[in-house]
Amino acid sequence: MVSAETSSPSSVLPVAILAGGLATRLRPITEKVPKLLVEVAGEPFFTHQIRLLKAAGLTRLVLCVGYLGEKIVELYGDGSAHGVHIDYSFDGPKLLGTGGALIQALPKLGDTFYVLYGDSYLPVDYRAVGDFFQRSGQLGLMTVYENRELYDASNVWFEGGRIKLYEKKNKVPQMHHIDYGLGVFRAAAFAGYPRDAVVDLAEVQKALVARGELAGYEMHQRFYEIGSPAGLTELDTLLRAQAPR
């Protein structure tokens, strides 16, 4: 357990954005454009993510990039034009997976950081999540949503405020929640995992659950994503409807 007194305020924590995948479900769009740059409501998706994070006061971003990542650097640079500071962590010759990408980026992330998927649009109170994590004293936190198979396959058994099981392949009847797409971690959560190797973040999370070191935070508003054509169309429609006329 980590003392909350020694923790940094959640508002100053960096946000790691996992954006190195091939985005095969969005092809042919992503054959020449990385997922973060896919157009949504007339702008690159990453611009919409930046707005959400800035509204929460989160302005230190570390992009974990791989496939076509240089195009993101070319467009956004150090982030100053958007009022944020962006660092980049490249996978290298091979894609390292979601966990491997975070391990690679640890020198830029420090002791404690948020983790956001590069296809997640989450209009939520990020700092409330970070504050809850700091109080928990755990090594990691997963946000969960009572999905009941509505938007995707439910993969979390969450009961009594605790994550009892997280499993994508071997489901149990008690799984009514889903990984919401926002997490918080301490660097120590990745201790013992190899560097420059393929590591799935889900495996790290499962190991934390088994040791009772993954806090759960339930969200009550639905999530949006652009990882699928249907999700992309839905978010595009939503943001166009919300745009000032």
Protein backbone atom coordinates (compact mmCIF):
# COMPACT_ATOMS: atom_id res chain seq x y z
CA MET A 1 0.00 0.00 0.00
CA VAL A 2 1.17 3.53 -0.81
CA SER A 3 0.52 6.41 1.56
CA ALA A 4 -1.78 9.04 0.07
CA GLU A 5 0.27 11.69 1.87
CA THR A 6 3.26 10.98 -0.42
CA SER A 7 1.25 11.04 -3.65
CA SER A 8 1.22 13.81 -6.23
CA PRO A 9 -2.06 15.66 -6.83
CA SER A 10 -4.01 13.89 -9.58
CA SER A 11 -4.18 17.13 -11.57
CA VAL A 12 -0.43 17.08 -12.25
CA LEU A 13 -0.17 13.45 -13.29
CA PRO A 14 0.76 12.67 -16.90
CA VAL A 15 -1.60 10.79 -19.19
CA ALA A 16 -0.23 7.90 -21.23
CA ILE A 17 -2.26 7.42 -24.40
CA LEU A 18 -1.97 3.99 -26.02
CA ALA A 19 -1.92 4.73 -29.74
CA GLY A 20 0.50 2.29 -31.32
CA GLY A 21 -1.79 -0.39 -32.72
CA LEU A 22 -2.58 -1.17 -36.35
CA ALA A 23 -6.30 -0.32 -36.06
CA THR A 24 -7.21 -3.12 -38.45
CA ARG A 25 -10.94 -2.83 -37.78
CA LEU A 26 -10.94 0.66 -39.31
CA ARG A 27 -9.28 -0.29 -42.57
CA PRO A 28 -9.09 0.99 -45.25
CA ILE A 29 -9.19 4.34 -43.38
CA THR A 30 -6.17 3.43 -41.26
CA GLU A 31 -4.01 2.05 -44.05
CA LYS A 32 -2.43 5.52 -44.40
CA VAL A 33 -3.65 7.30 -41.26
CA PRO A 34 -3.03 6.28 -37.62
CA LYS A 35 -6.12 5.93 -35.47
CA LEU A 36 -5.51 9.16 -33.54
CA LEU A 37 -5.69 11.11 -36.80
CA VAL A 38 -8.93 9.56 -38.08
CA GLU A 39 -11.35 12.39 -38.78
CA VAL A 40 -14.30 12.72 -36.41
CA ALA A 41 -16.74 15.61 -36.78
CA GLY A 42 -14.32 17.43 -39.05
CA GLU A 43 -11.20 17.14 -36.86
CA PRO A 44 -8.60 14.49 -36.00
CA PHE A 45 -9.84 12.32 -33.15
CA PHE A 46 -6.83 13.28 -31.02
CA THR A 47 -7.95 16.93 -31.00
CA HIS A 48 -11.21 15.84 -29.34
CA GLN A 49 -9.28 13.81 -26.74
CA ILE A 50 -7.04 16.78 -25.98
CA ARG A 51 -10.09 18.98 -25.30
CA LEU A 52 -11.44 16.51 -22.76
CA LEU A 53 -8.11 16.23 -20.97
CA LYS A 54 -7.50 19.98 -20.93
CA ALA A 55 -10.96 20.53 -19.44
CA ALA A 56 -9.84 18.28 -16.56
CA GLY A 57 -6.60 20.24 -16.18
CA LEU A 58 -4.52 17.35 -17.53
CA THR A 59 -1.96 18.81 -19.92
CA ARG A 60 1.04 16.43 -19.74
CA LEU A 61 0.54 13.78 -22.39
CA VAL A 62 2.80 10.89 -23.34
CA LEU A 63 1.81 9.24 -26.60
CA CYS A 64 2.79 5.58 -26.89
CA VAL A 65 3.01 5.28 -30.65
CA GLY A 66 4.11 2.79 -33.24
CA TYR A 67 2.27 2.35 -36.52
CA LEU A 68 2.42 5.63 -38.51
CA GLY A 69 3.35 7.48 -35.33
CA GLU A 70 5.53 9.95 -37.22
CA LYS A 71 2.38 11.41 -38.78
CA ILE A 72 1.11 12.31 -35.30
CA VAL A 73 4.42 13.98 -34.43
CA GLU A 74 4.29 15.93 -37.68
CA LEU A 75 0.81 17.29 -36.97
CA TYR A 76 0.93 17.90 -33.20
CA GLY A 77 4.62 18.35 -32.39
CA ASP A 78 5.19 19.23 -28.73
CA GLY A 79 1.50 20.08 -28.27
CA SER A 80 2.09 23.78 -27.53
CA ALA A 81 -0.31 24.88 -30.29
CA HIS A 82 -3.05 22.99 -28.41
CA GLY A 83 -2.12 24.17 -24.93
CA VAL A 84 -0.62 20.86 -23.79
CA HIS A 85 2.83 19.29 -23.56
CA ILE A 86 3.29 16.10 -25.59
CA ASP A 87 6.12 13.58 -25.27
CA TYR A 88 6.39 10.58 -27.57
CA SER A 89 7.44 7.04 -26.81
CA PHE A 90 7.92 4.87 -29.89
CA ASP A 91 7.68 1.08 -29.76
CA GLY A 92 10.68 0.64 -32.03
CA PRO A 93 11.18 -2.10 -34.65
CA LYS A 94 8.26 -4.19 -33.33
CA LEU A 95 4.95 -3.42 -31.68
CA LEU A 96 5.24 -4.09 -27.95
CA GLY A 97 1.57 -4.45 -27.02
CA THR A 98 -0.29 -2.20 -24.62
CA GLY A 99 1.70 -3.21 -21.54
CA GLY A 100 5.03 -3.27 -23.34
CA ALA A 101 4.42 0.23 -24.69
CA LEU A 102 3.80 1.53 -21.15
CA ILE A 103 6.93 -0.16 -19.84
CA GLN A 104 8.89 1.48 -22.65
CA ALA A 105 7.43 4.87 -21.69
CA LEU A 106 8.02 4.62 -17.91
CA PRO A 107 11.03 6.98 -17.93
CA LYS A 108 8.74 9.70 -19.34
CA LEU A 109 5.80 8.86 -17.08
CA GLY A 110 7.33 8.83 -13.63
CA ASP A 111 5.85 7.12 -10.59
CA THR A 112 2.11 7.61 -11.16
CA PHE A 113 0.12 8.20 -14.33
CA TYR A 114 -3.23 7.86 -16.06
CA VAL A 115 -3.63 5.44 -18.97
CA LEU A 116 -6.13 6.15 -21.74
CA TYR A 117 -6.74 4.09 -24.86
CA GLY A 118 -6.12 5.92 -28.10
CA ASP A 119 -9.61 5.14 -29.39
CA SER A 120 -11.57 6.07 -26.24
CA TYR A 121 -13.69 9.21 -25.95
CA LEU A 122 -14.59 9.55 -22.28
CA PRO A 123 -16.36 12.78 -21.19
CA VAL A 124 -15.88 12.05 -17.47
CA ASP A 125 -14.35 13.55 -14.31
CA TYR A 126 -10.75 12.40 -14.76
CA ARG A 127 -9.50 14.06 -11.60
CA ALA A 128 -12.12 12.32 -9.46
CA VAL A 129 -10.77 9.02 -10.78
CA GLY A 130 -7.20 10.08 -10.02
CA ASP A 131 -8.10 11.26 -6.53
CA PHE A 132 -9.84 7.96 -5.78
CA PHE A 133 -6.76 6.07 -6.94
CA GLN A 134 -4.45 8.15 -4.74
CA ARG A 135 -6.62 7.38 -1.71
CA SER A 136 -6.79 3.67 -2.55
CA GLY A 137 -3.09 3.05 -2.02
CA GLN A 138 -3.20 0.36 -4.72
CA LEU A 139 -0.77 -0.20 -7.59
CA GLY A 140 -3.42 0.17 -10.26
CA LEU A 141 -6.99 1.22 -10.93
CA MET A 142 -9.48 0.18 -13.58
CA THR A 143 -12.61 2.14 -14.36
CA VAL A 144 -15.58 -0.13 -15.05
CA TYR A 145 -19.07 0.30 -16.48
CA GLU A 146 -22.14 -1.91 -16.02
CA ASN A 147 -22.34 -2.94 -19.64
CA ARG A 148 -24.34 -6.20 -19.55
CA GLU A 149 -23.15 -7.04 -23.10
CA LEU A 150 -24.64 -3.83 -24.50
CA TYR A 151 -21.68 -2.12 -26.20
CA ASP A 152 -19.19 -4.99 -26.18
CA ALA A 153 -18.53 -8.23 -24.34
CA SER A 154 -18.56 -7.73 -20.56
CA ASN A 155 -15.27 -8.88 -19.03
CA VAL A 156 -15.22 -7.72 -15.40
CA TRP A 157 -16.76 -9.20 -12.25
CA PHE A 158 -17.23 -6.10 -10.10
CA GLU A 159 -19.09 -6.50 -6.83
CA GLY A 160 -19.14 -4.64 -3.53
CA GLY A 161 -16.86 -1.94 -4.92
CA ARG A 162 -14.14 -4.46 -5.79
CA ILE A 163 -12.88 -6.09 -8.97
CA LYS A 164 -13.07 -9.81 -8.32
CA LEU A 165 -12.14 -11.02 -11.80
CA TYR A 166 -10.98 -9.54 -15.09
CA GLU A 167 -10.89 -11.98 -17.97
CA LYS A 168 -11.45 -11.50 -21.69
CA LYS A 169 -11.49 -15.16 -22.74
CA ASN A 170 -12.88 -17.32 -19.93
CA LYS A 171 -16.08 -15.61 -18.86
CA VAL A 172 -18.15 -16.28 -15.76
CA PRO A 173 -21.86 -15.45 -15.25
CA GLN A 174 -21.06 -12.71 -12.71
CA MET A 175 -19.38 -10.55 -15.38
CA HIS A 176 -21.76 -7.65 -15.97
CA HIS A 177 -19.15 -4.86 -16.22
CA ILE A 178 -16.58 -3.91 -18.83
CA ASP A 179 -13.19 -2.20 -18.78
CA TYR A 180 -14.18 1.43 -19.39
CA GLY A 181 -10.93 2.51 -21.04
CA LEU A 182 -9.32 4.70 -18.37
CA GLY A 183 -6.84 3.51 -15.78
CA VAL A 184 -4.32 4.83 -13.28
CA PHE A 185 -1.08 3.06 -12.38
CA ARG A 186 2.08 3.29 -10.38
CA ALA A 187 5.28 2.32 -12.15
CA ALA A 188 5.71 -0.45 -9.56
CA ALA A 189 2.74 -2.26 -11.13
CA PHE A 190 5.07 -3.17 -14.01
CA ALA A 191 7.98 -4.36 -11.90
CA GLY A 192 9.31 -7.75 -13.01
CA TYR A 193 8.04 -7.52 -16.58
CA PRO A 194 10.64 -7.56 -19.36
CA ARG A 195 11.53 -4.42 -21.30
CA ASP A 196 11.52 -4.37 -25.10
CA ALA A 197 9.16 -7.36 -25.08
CA VAL A 198 5.51 -7.83 -26.01
CA VAL A 199 3.36 -7.42 -22.88
CA ASP A 200 -0.43 -7.13 -22.82
CA LEU A 201 -1.76 -4.62 -20.29
CA ALA A 202 -4.63 -7.03 -19.61
CA GLU A 203 -2.13 -9.56 -18.24
CA VAL A 204 -0.69 -6.93 -15.90
CA GLN A 205 -4.20 -6.05 -14.73
CA LYS A 206 -5.13 -9.69 -14.17
CA ALA A 207 -2.02 -10.19 -12.06
CA LEU A 208 -2.90 -7.13 -9.97
CA VAL A 209 -6.44 -8.45 -9.43
CA ALA A 210 -5.04 -11.78 -8.26
CA ARG A 211 -2.89 -9.95 -5.67
CA GLY A 212 -5.71 -7.62 -4.60
CA GLU A 213 -3.82 -4.59 -5.94
CA LEU A 214 -6.21 -3.31 -8.64
CA ALA A 215 -8.78 -0.80 -7.41
CA GLY A 216 -12.12 -0.52 -9.20
CA TYR A 217 -13.96 2.72 -9.92
CA GLU A 218 -17.46 2.45 -11.37
CA MET A 219 -18.53 4.91 -14.05
CA HIS A 220 -22.21 5.60 -14.68
CA GLN A 221 -22.11 7.39 -18.02
CA ARG A 222 -21.52 5.33 -21.15
CA PHE A 223 -18.26 5.37 -23.06
CA TYR A 224 -17.63 6.18 -26.72
CA GLU A 225 -14.95 4.76 -28.98
CA ILE A 226 -13.67 4.89 -32.53
CA GLY A 227 -12.13 1.42 -32.57
CA SER A 228 -14.91 0.10 -34.78
CA PRO A 229 -16.72 1.56 -37.80
CA ALA A 230 -19.98 1.62 -35.85
CA GLY A 231 -18.34 3.41 -32.92
CA LEU A 232 -16.71 5.93 -35.25
CA THR A 233 -20.03 6.73 -36.93
CA GLU A 234 -21.82 7.05 -33.58
CA LEU A 235 -19.25 9.44 -32.10
CA ASP A 236 -19.13 11.50 -35.28
CA THR A 237 -22.91 11.95 -35.10
CA LEU A 238 -22.78 12.85 -31.39
CA LEU A 239 -20.03 15.47 -31.74
CA ARG A 240 -21.61 17.08 -34.79
CA ALA A 241 -24.88 17.39 -32.86
CA GLN A 242 -23.04 19.02 -29.92
CA ALA A 243 -21.01 21.46 -32.02
CA PRO A 244 -22.01 25.14 -31.78
CA ARG A 245 -24.12 26.19 -34.72
